[in-house]
Amino acid sequence: MATYSISIRLQRTSVEERYVSVPVTDAVMRTEPNADGTYGLDTEKLLAAAIELGQDDADWSSEAREVTIHPIQKAPDDVQTGLDAAQDAS
């Protein structure tokens, strides 16, 4: 007896976490002083430096994984549809 199957495209999203230590240097400080003459951290520069430090693959820990139905369903790349096969034969 013949058996049939239907391909369902899935997607898996993995969430990983990592802590990085960003050195407090002039590179992450604001260039303009506060009203009292002190300088503070520039949050945008601080976060950009953290992202740069996290670009390598070292020390990442898995936090969560979710498998869902992919929003775009299409045939697997290695499968020809009947229409494609008919066009190739002509």
PDB file of N, CA and C in Angstrom:
ATOM      1  N   MET A   1       0.844  -1.183   0.000  1.00  0.00           N
ATOM      2  CA  MET A   1       0.000   0.000   0.000  1.00  0.00           C
ATOM      3  C   MET A   1       0.892   1.249   0.000  1.00  0.00           C
ATOM      4  N   ALA A   2       0.523   2.207  -0.809  1.00  0.00           N
ATOM      5  CA  ALA A   2       1.302   3.442  -0.909  1.00  0.00           C
ATOM      6  C   ALA A   2       1.102   4.295   0.341  1.00  0.00           C
ATOM      7  N   THR A   3       2.167   5.001   0.715  1.00  0.00           N
ATOM      8  CA  THR A   3       2.054   5.951   1.823  1.00  0.00           C
ATOM      9  C   THR A   3       2.384   7.341   1.304  1.00  0.00           C
ATOM     10  N   TYR A   4       1.823   8.306   1.921  1.00  0.00           N
ATOM     11  CA  TYR A   4       2.005   9.690   1.508  1.00  0.00           C
ATOM     12  C   TYR A   4       2.433  10.509   2.721  1.00  0.00           C
ATOM     13  N   SER A   5       3.043  11.632   2.443  1.00  0.00           N
ATOM     14  CA  SER A   5       3.395  12.550   3.525  1.00  0.00           C
ATOM     15  C   SER A   5       3.240  13.974   3.031  1.00  0.00           C
ATOM     16  N   ILE A   6       3.115  14.864   3.956  1.00  0.00           N
ATOM     17  CA  ILE A   6       3.013  16.295   3.659  1.00  0.00           C
ATOM     18  C   ILE A   6       4.165  16.981   4.381  1.00  0.00           C
ATOM     19  N   SER A   7       4.910  17.788   3.637  1.00  0.00           N
ATOM     20  CA  SER A   7       6.017  18.538   4.238  1.00  0.00           C
ATOM     21  C   SER A   7       5.486  19.823   4.846  1.00  0.00           C
ATOM     22  N   ILE A   8       5.823  20.057   6.085  1.00  0.00           N
ATOM     23  CA  ILE A   8       5.462  21.290   6.799  1.00  0.00           C
ATOM     24  C   ILE A   8       6.765  22.001   7.123  1.00  0.00           C
ATOM     25  N   ARG A   9       6.864  23.245   6.718  1.00  0.00           N
ATOM     26  CA  ARG A   9       8.079  24.023   6.987  1.00  0.00           C
ATOM     27  C   ARG A   9       7.991  24.594   8.394  1.00  0.00           C
ATOM     28  N   LEU A  10       9.002  24.324   9.208  1.00  0.00           N
ATOM     29  CA  LEU A  10       9.079  24.819  10.583  1.00  0.00           C
ATOM     30  C   LEU A  10      10.201  25.834  10.697  1.00  0.00           C
ATOM     31  N   GLN A  11      10.151  26.617  11.742  1.00  0.00           N
ATOM     32  CA  GLN A  11      11.294  27.472  12.070  1.00  0.00           C
ATOM     33  C   GLN A  11      11.562  27.330  13.560  1.00  0.00           C
ATOM     34  N   ARG A  12      12.845  27.368  13.904  1.00  0.00           N
ATOM     35  CA  ARG A  12      13.244  27.262  15.298  1.00  0.00           C
ATOM     36  C   ARG A  12      13.982  28.535  15.674  1.00  0.00           C
ATOM     37  N   THR A  13      13.551  29.124  16.753  1.00  0.00           N
ATOM     38  CA  THR A  13      14.183  30.337  17.259  1.00  0.00           C
ATOM     39  C   THR A  13      14.876  29.986  18.569  1.00  0.00           C
ATOM     40  N   SER A  14      16.162  30.247  18.625  1.00  0.00           N
ATOM     41  CA  SER A  14      16.932  30.009  19.844  1.00  0.00           C
ATOM     42  C   SER A  14      17.297  31.355  20.452  1.00  0.00           C
ATOM     43  N   VAL A  15      17.131  31.451  21.751  1.00  0.00           N
ATOM     44  CA  VAL A  15      17.516  32.665  22.470  1.00  0.00           C
ATOM     45  C   VAL A  15      18.683  32.299  23.364  1.00  0.00           C
ATOM     46  N   GLU A  16      19.757  33.043  23.231  1.00  0.00           N
ATOM     47  CA  GLU A  16      20.943  32.821  24.049  1.00  0.00           C
ATOM     48  C   GLU A  16      21.268  34.100  24.809  1.00  0.00           C
ATOM     49  N   GLU A  17      21.973  33.950  25.902  1.00  0.00           N
ATOM     50  CA  GLU A  17      22.364  35.121  26.688  1.00  0.00           C
ATOM     51  C   GLU A  17      23.844  35.074  27.002  1.00  0.00           C
ATOM     52  N   ARG A  18      24.363  36.228  27.277  1.00  0.00           N
ATOM     53  CA  ARG A  18      25.775  36.342  27.641  1.00  0.00           C
ATOM     54  C   ARG A  18      25.973  37.680  28.334  1.00  0.00           C
ATOM     55  N   TYR A  19      26.806  37.723  29.326  1.00  0.00           N
ATOM     56  CA  TYR A  19      27.185  38.971  29.971  1.00  0.00           C
ATOM     57  C   TYR A  19      28.539  39.403  29.427  1.00  0.00           C
ATOM     58  N   VAL A  20      28.691  40.686  29.162  1.00  0.00           N
ATOM     59  CA  VAL A  20      29.979  41.242  28.751  1.00  0.00           C
ATOM     60  C   VAL A  20      30.321  42.390  29.681  1.00  0.00           C
ATOM     61  N   SER A  21      31.588  42.609  29.894  1.00  0.00           N
ATOM     62  CA  SER A  21      32.063  43.720  30.721  1.00  0.00           C
ATOM     63  C   SER A  21      32.616  44.795  29.812  1.00  0.00           C
ATOM     64  N   VAL A  22      31.966  45.929  29.816  1.00  0.00           N
ATOM     65  CA  VAL A  22      32.389  47.046  28.968  1.00  0.00           C
ATOM     66  C   VAL A  22      33.265  47.981  29.801  1.00  0.00           C
ATOM     67  N   PRO A  23      34.515  48.167  29.400  1.00  0.00           N
ATOM     68  CA  PRO A  23      35.384  49.094  30.141  1.00  0.00           C
ATOM     69  C   PRO A  23      34.851  50.530  30.067  1.00  0.00           C
ATOM     70  N   VAL A  24      34.878  51.207  31.195  1.00  0.00           N
ATOM     71  CA  VAL A  24      34.451  52.609  31.233  1.00  0.00           C
ATOM     72  C   VAL A  24      35.661  53.454  30.865  1.00  0.00           C
ATOM     73  N   THR A  25      35.666  53.893  29.603  1.00  0.00           N
ATOM     74  CA  THR A  25      36.757  54.715  29.082  1.00  0.00           C
ATOM     75  C   THR A  25      36.134  55.949  28.420  1.00  0.00           C
ATOM     76  N   ASP A  26      36.981  56.818  27.911  1.00  0.00           N
ATOM     77  CA  ASP A  26      36.483  57.998  27.206  1.00  0.00           C
ATOM     78  C   ASP A  26      35.588  57.612  26.027  1.00  0.00           C
ATOM     79  N   ALA A  27      35.791  56.429  25.468  1.00  0.00           N
ATOM     80  CA  ALA A  27      35.022  55.986  24.302  1.00  0.00           C
ATOM     81  C   ALA A  27      33.535  55.830  24.601  1.00  0.00           C
ATOM     82  N   VAL A  28      33.156  55.619  25.875  1.00  0.00           N
ATOM     83  CA  VAL A  28      31.740  55.439  26.213  1.00  0.00           C
ATOM     84  C   VAL A  28      31.182  56.602  27.044  1.00  0.00           C
ATOM     85  N   MET A  29      31.933  57.671  27.127  1.00  0.00           N
ATOM     86  CA  MET A  29      31.491  58.846  27.896  1.00  0.00           C
ATOM     87  C   MET A  29      30.888  59.900  26.973  1.00  0.00           C
ATOM     88  N   ARG A  30      29.981  60.704  27.539  1.00  0.00           N
ATOM     89  CA  ARG A  30      29.433  61.827  26.781  1.00  0.00           C
ATOM     90  C   ARG A  30      30.517  62.876  26.583  1.00  0.00           C
ATOM     91  N   THR A  31      30.435  63.572  25.459  1.00  0.00           N
ATOM     92  CA  THR A  31      31.451  64.584  25.168  1.00  0.00           C
ATOM     93  C   THR A  31      31.102  65.933  25.786  1.00  0.00           C
ATOM     94  N   GLU A  32      29.830  66.154  26.081  1.00  0.00           N
ATOM     95  CA  GLU A  32      29.404  67.413  26.702  1.00  0.00           C
ATOM     96  C   GLU A  32      29.205  67.195  28.203  1.00  0.00           C
ATOM     97  N   PRO A  33      29.692  68.110  29.050  1.00  0.00           N
ATOM     98  CA  PRO A  33      29.528  67.943  30.503  1.00  0.00           C
ATOM     99  C   PRO A  33      28.089  68.215  30.949  1.00  0.00           C
ATOM    100  N   ASN A  34      27.735  67.643  32.089  1.00  0.00           N
ATOM    101  CA  ASN A  34      26.447  67.944  32.724  1.00  0.00           C
ATOM    102  C   ASN A  34      26.491  69.371  33.262  1.00  0.00           C
ATOM    103  N   ALA A  35      25.372  69.854  33.739  1.00  0.00           N
ATOM    104  CA  ALA A  35      25.297  71.227  34.268  1.00  0.00           C
ATOM    105  C   ALA A  35      26.276  71.447  35.421  1.00  0.00           C
ATOM    106  N   ASP A  36      26.549  70.401  36.199  1.00  0.00           N
ATOM    107  CA  ASP A  36      27.459  70.552  37.337  1.00  0.00           C
ATOM    108  C   ASP A  36      28.924  70.334  36.949  1.00  0.00           C
ATOM    109  N   GLY A  37      29.194  70.156  35.649  1.00  0.00           N
ATOM    110  CA  GLY A  37      30.564  70.010  35.180  1.00  0.00           C
ATOM    111  C   GLY A  37      31.056  68.576  35.119  1.00  0.00           C
ATOM    112  N   THR A  38      30.257  67.625  35.601  1.00  0.00           N
ATOM    113  CA  THR A  38      30.662  66.219  35.533  1.00  0.00           C
ATOM    114  C   THR A  38      30.284  65.628  34.176  1.00  0.00           C
ATOM    115  N   TYR A  39      30.900  64.536  33.866  1.00  0.00           N
ATOM    116  CA  TYR A  39      30.597  63.826  32.616  1.00  0.00           C
ATOM    117  C   TYR A  39      29.880  62.522  32.958  1.00  0.00           C
ATOM    118  N   GLY A  40      28.988  62.108  32.088  1.00  0.00           N
ATOM    119  CA  GLY A  40      28.257  60.865  32.318  1.00  0.00           C
ATOM    120  C   GLY A  40      28.473  59.897  31.176  1.00  0.00           C
ATOM    121  N   LEU A  41      27.944  58.719  31.358  1.00  0.00           N
ATOM    122  CA  LEU A  41      28.021  57.697  30.320  1.00  0.00           C
ATOM    123  C   LEU A  41      27.089  58.040  29.166  1.00  0.00           C
ATOM    124  N   ASP A  42      27.534  57.729  27.971  1.00  0.00           N
ATOM    125  CA  ASP A  42      26.691  57.845  26.777  1.00  0.00           C
ATOM    126  C   ASP A  42      26.098  56.454  26.551  1.00  0.00           C
ATOM    127  N   THR A  43      24.813  56.306  26.852  1.00  0.00           N
ATOM    128  CA  THR A  43      24.167  54.995  26.801  1.00  0.00           C
ATOM    129  C   THR A  43      24.270  54.354  25.430  1.00  0.00           C
ATOM    130  N   GLU A  44      24.096  55.122  24.375  1.00  0.00           N
ATOM    131  CA  GLU A  44      24.178  54.561  23.022  1.00  0.00           C
ATOM    132  C   GLU A  44      25.574  53.995  22.748  1.00  0.00           C
ATOM    133  N   LYS A  45      26.606  54.728  23.137  1.00  0.00           N
ATOM    134  CA  LYS A  45      27.980  54.251  22.944  1.00  0.00           C
ATOM    135  C   LYS A  45      28.251  53.016  23.806  1.00  0.00           C
ATOM    136  N   LEU A  46      27.723  53.009  25.024  1.00  0.00           N
ATOM    137  CA  LEU A  46      27.905  51.886  25.934  1.00  0.00           C
ATOM    138  C   LEU A  46      27.277  50.616  25.359  1.00  0.00           C
ATOM    139  N   LEU A  47      26.041  50.720  24.872  1.00  0.00           N
ATOM    140  CA  LEU A  47      25.354  49.561  24.310  1.00  0.00           C
ATOM    141  C   LEU A  47      26.009  49.099  23.010  1.00  0.00           C
ATOM    142  N   ALA A  48      26.480  50.033  22.199  1.00  0.00           N
ATOM    143  CA  ALA A  48      27.177  49.663  20.961  1.00  0.00           C
ATOM    144  C   ALA A  48      28.465  48.900  21.286  1.00  0.00           C
ATOM    145  N   ALA A  49      29.173  49.335  22.320  1.00  0.00           N
ATOM    146  CA  ALA A  49      30.405  48.645  22.725  1.00  0.00           C
ATOM    147  C   ALA A  49      30.078  47.238  23.248  1.00  0.00           C
ATOM    148  N   ALA A  50      28.969  47.098  23.978  1.00  0.00           N
ATOM    149  CA  ALA A  50      28.562  45.787  24.487  1.00  0.00           C
ATOM    150  C   ALA A  50      28.238  44.843  23.331  1.00  0.00           C
ATOM    151  N   ILE A  51      27.529  45.327  22.344  1.00  0.00           N
ATOM    152  CA  ILE A  51      27.190  44.501  21.175  1.00  0.00           C
ATOM    153  C   ILE A  51      28.453  44.082  20.443  1.00  0.00           C
ATOM    154  N   GLU A  52      29.392  44.990  20.314  1.00  0.00           N
ATOM    155  CA  GLU A  52      30.665  44.663  19.650  1.00  0.00           C
ATOM    156  C   GLU A  52      31.402  43.558  20.416  1.00  0.00           C
ATOM    157  N   LEU A  53      31.409  43.646  21.738  1.00  0.00           N
ATOM    158  CA  LEU A  53      32.077  42.624  22.551  1.00  0.00           C
ATOM    159  C   LEU A  53      31.380  41.270  22.450  1.00  0.00           C
ATOM    160  N   GLY A  54      30.086  41.270  22.158  1.00  0.00           N
ATOM    161  CA  GLY A  54      29.341  40.022  22.091  1.00  0.00           C
ATOM    162  C   GLY A  54      29.297  39.373  20.726  1.00  0.00           C
ATOM    163  N   GLN A  55      30.053  39.882  19.766  1.00  0.00           N
ATOM    164  CA  GLN A  55      30.012  39.345  18.404  1.00  0.00           C
ATOM    165  C   GLN A  55      30.633  37.963  18.260  1.00  0.00           C
ATOM    166  N   ASP A  56      31.547  37.587  19.128  1.00  0.00           N
ATOM    167  CA  ASP A  56      32.137  36.249  18.994  1.00  0.00           C
ATOM    168  C   ASP A  56      31.190  35.198  19.586  1.00  0.00           C
ATOM    169  N   ASP A  57      31.502  33.950  19.388  1.00  0.00           N
ATOM    170  CA  ASP A  57      30.628  32.864  19.822  1.00  0.00           C
ATOM    171  C   ASP A  57      30.962  32.318  21.207  1.00  0.00           C
ATOM    172  N   ALA A  58      31.897  32.903  21.897  1.00  0.00           N
ATOM    173  CA  ALA A  58      32.332  32.382  23.189  1.00  0.00           C
ATOM    174  C   ALA A  58      31.335  32.706  24.302  1.00  0.00           C
ATOM    175  N   ASP A  59      31.165  31.764  25.211  1.00  0.00           N
ATOM    176  CA  ASP A  59      30.439  31.961  26.477  1.00  0.00           C
ATOM    177  C   ASP A  59      28.950  32.286  26.352  1.00  0.00           C
ATOM    178  N   TRP A  60      28.312  31.900  25.279  1.00  0.00           N
ATOM    179  CA  TRP A  60      26.870  32.105  25.157  1.00  0.00           C
ATOM    180  C   TRP A  60      26.155  30.921  25.805  1.00  0.00           C
ATOM    181  N   SER A  61      25.094  31.181  26.552  1.00  0.00           N
ATOM    182  CA  SER A  61      24.293  30.139  27.202  1.00  0.00           C
ATOM    183  C   SER A  61      22.906  30.114  26.596  1.00  0.00           C
ATOM    184  N   SER A  62      22.398  28.903  26.376  1.00  0.00           N
ATOM    185  CA  SER A  62      21.051  28.764  25.821  1.00  0.00           C
ATOM    186  C   SER A  62      20.032  29.162  26.883  1.00  0.00           C
ATOM    187  N   GLU A  63      19.108  30.008  26.509  1.00  0.00           N
ATOM    188  CA  GLU A  63      18.085  30.479  27.434  1.00  0.00           C
ATOM    189  C   GLU A  63      16.723  29.880  27.091  1.00  0.00           C
ATOM    190  N   ALA A  64      16.420  29.797  25.798  1.00  0.00           N
ATOM    191  CA  ALA A  64      15.116  29.274  25.387  1.00  0.00           C
ATOM    192  C   ALA A  64      15.189  28.828  23.937  1.00  0.00           C
ATOM    193  N   ARG A  65      14.248  27.954  23.561  1.00  0.00           N
ATOM    194  CA  ARG A  65      14.144  27.501  22.175  1.00  0.00           C
ATOM    195  C   ARG A  65      12.666  27.287  21.892  1.00  0.00           C
ATOM    196  N   GLU A  66      12.236  27.767  20.745  1.00  0.00           N
ATOM    197  CA  GLU A  66      10.831  27.639  20.373  1.00  0.00           C
ATOM    198  C   GLU A  66      10.735  27.155  18.934  1.00  0.00           C
ATOM    199  N   VAL A  67       9.909  26.145  18.700  1.00  0.00           N
ATOM    200  CA  VAL A  67       9.663  25.643  17.355  1.00  0.00           C
ATOM    201  C   VAL A  67       8.235  26.021  16.986  1.00  0.00           C
ATOM    202  N   THR A  68       8.098  26.689  15.833  1.00  0.00           N
ATOM    203  CA  THR A  68       6.786  27.126  15.364  1.00  0.00           C
ATOM    204  C   THR A  68       6.650  26.794  13.881  1.00  0.00           C
ATOM    205  N   ILE A  69       5.439  26.940  13.382  1.00  0.00           N
ATOM    206  CA  ILE A  69       5.191  26.788  11.960  1.00  0.00           C
ATOM    207  C   ILE A  69       5.768  28.006  11.254  1.00  0.00           C
ATOM    208  N   HIS A  70       6.540  27.793  10.200  1.00  0.00           N
ATOM    209  CA  HIS A  70       7.110  28.904   9.444  1.00  0.00           C
ATOM    210  C   HIS A  70       5.970  29.662   8.762  1.00  0.00           C
ATOM    211  N   PRO A  71       5.985  30.989   8.780  1.00  0.00           N
ATOM    212  CA  PRO A  71       4.878  31.750   8.186  1.00  0.00           C
ATOM    213  C   PRO A  71       4.786  31.616   6.665  1.00  0.00           C
ATOM    214  N   ILE A  72       5.878  31.208   6.019  1.00  0.00           N
ATOM    215  CA  ILE A  72       5.864  31.027   4.565  1.00  0.00           C
ATOM    216  C   ILE A  72       6.082  29.548   4.283  1.00  0.00           C
ATOM    217  N   GLN A  73       5.068  28.906   3.761  1.00  0.00           N
ATOM    218  CA  GLN A  73       5.165  27.488   3.422  1.00  0.00           C
ATOM    219  C   GLN A  73       5.578  27.364   1.957  1.00  0.00           C
ATOM    220  N   LYS A  74       6.587  26.564   1.692  1.00  0.00           N
ATOM    221  CA  LYS A  74       7.030  26.301   0.321  1.00  0.00           C
ATOM    222  C   LYS A  74       7.609  24.894   0.289  1.00  0.00           C
ATOM    223  N   ALA A  75       7.691  24.343  -0.905  1.00  0.00           N
ATOM    224  CA  ALA A  75       8.256  23.010  -1.041  1.00  0.00           C
ATOM    225  C   ALA A  75       9.734  23.037  -0.680  1.00  0.00           C
ATOM    226  N   PRO A  76      10.250  21.939  -0.106  1.00  0.00           N
ATOM    227  CA  PRO A  76      11.695  21.878   0.170  1.00  0.00           C
ATOM    228  C   PRO A  76      12.490  22.103  -1.103  1.00  0.00           C
ATOM    229  N   ASP A  77      13.678  22.651  -0.988  1.00  0.00           N
ATOM    230  CA  ASP A  77      14.504  22.993  -2.148  1.00  0.00           C
ATOM    231  C   ASP A  77      14.837  21.788  -3.022  1.00  0.00           C
ATOM    232  N   ASP A  78      14.901  20.597  -2.429  1.00  0.00           N
ATOM    233  CA  ASP A  78      15.287  19.416  -3.207  1.00  0.00           C
ATOM    234  C   ASP A  78      14.093  18.681  -3.818  1.00  0.00           C
ATOM    235  N   VAL A  79      12.901  19.284  -3.788  1.00  0.00           N
ATOM    236  CA  VAL A  79      11.701  18.645  -4.324  1.00  0.00           C
ATOM    237  C   VAL A  79      11.189  19.441  -5.512  1.00  0.00           C
ATOM    238  N   GLN A  80      10.940  18.739  -6.617  1.00  0.00           N
ATOM    239  CA  GLN A  80      10.336  19.394  -7.793  1.00  0.00           C
ATOM    240  C   GLN A  80       8.837  19.185  -7.742  1.00  0.00           C
ATOM    241  N   THR A  81       8.098  20.219  -8.055  1.00  0.00           N
ATOM    242  CA  THR A  81       6.640  20.065  -8.144  1.00  0.00           C
ATOM    243  C   THR A  81       6.308  19.394  -9.460  1.00  0.00           C
ATOM    244  N   GLY A  82       5.095  18.886  -9.580  1.00  0.00           N
ATOM    245  CA  GLY A  82       4.670  18.247 -10.821  1.00  0.00           C
ATOM    246  C   GLY A  82       4.772  19.183 -11.996  1.00  0.00           C
ATOM    247  N   LEU A  83       4.441  20.447 -11.826  1.00  0.00           N
ATOM    248  CA  LEU A  83       4.521  21.433 -12.917  1.00  0.00           C
ATOM    249  C   LEU A  83       5.966  21.636 -13.348  1.00  0.00           C
ATOM    250  N   ASP A  84       6.888  21.739 -12.379  1.00  0.00           N
ATOM    251  CA  ASP A  84       8.307  21.896 -12.723  1.00  0.00           C
ATOM    252  C   ASP A  84       8.832  20.698 -13.496  1.00  0.00           C
ATOM    253  N   ALA A  85       8.451  19.500 -13.055  1.00  0.00           N
ATOM    254  CA  ALA A  85       8.903  18.276 -13.718  1.00  0.00           C
ATOM    255  C   ALA A  85       8.385  18.209 -15.137  1.00  0.00           C
ATOM    256  N   ALA A  86       7.123  18.625 -15.356  1.00  0.00           N
ATOM    257  CA  ALA A  86       6.535  18.603 -16.699  1.00  0.00           C
ATOM    258  C   ALA A  86       7.258  19.599 -17.600  1.00  0.00           C
ATOM    259  N   GLN A  87       7.614  20.776 -17.075  1.00  0.00           N
ATOM    260  CA  GLN A  87       8.323  21.778 -17.883  1.00  0.00           C
ATOM    261  C   GLN A  87       9.727  21.301 -18.229  1.00  0.00           C
ATOM    262  N   ASP A  88      10.395  20.600 -17.295  1.00  0.00           N
ATOM    263  CA  ASP A  88      11.735  20.079 -17.555  1.00  0.00           C
ATOM    264  C   ASP A  88      11.707  18.987 -18.618  1.00  0.00           C
ATOM    265  N   ALA A  89      10.623  18.231 -18.689  1.00  0.00           N
ATOM    266  CA  ALA A  89      10.522  17.121 -19.629  1.00  0.00           C
ATOM    267  C   ALA A  89      10.298  17.613 -21.061  1.00  0.00           C
ATOM    268  N   SER A  90       9.759  18.817 -21.219  1.00  0.00           N
ATOM    269  CA  SER A  90       9.472  19.310 -22.584  1.00  0.00           C
ATOM    270  C   SER A  90      10.665  19.971 -23.228  1.00  0.00           C
TER     271      SER A  90
END
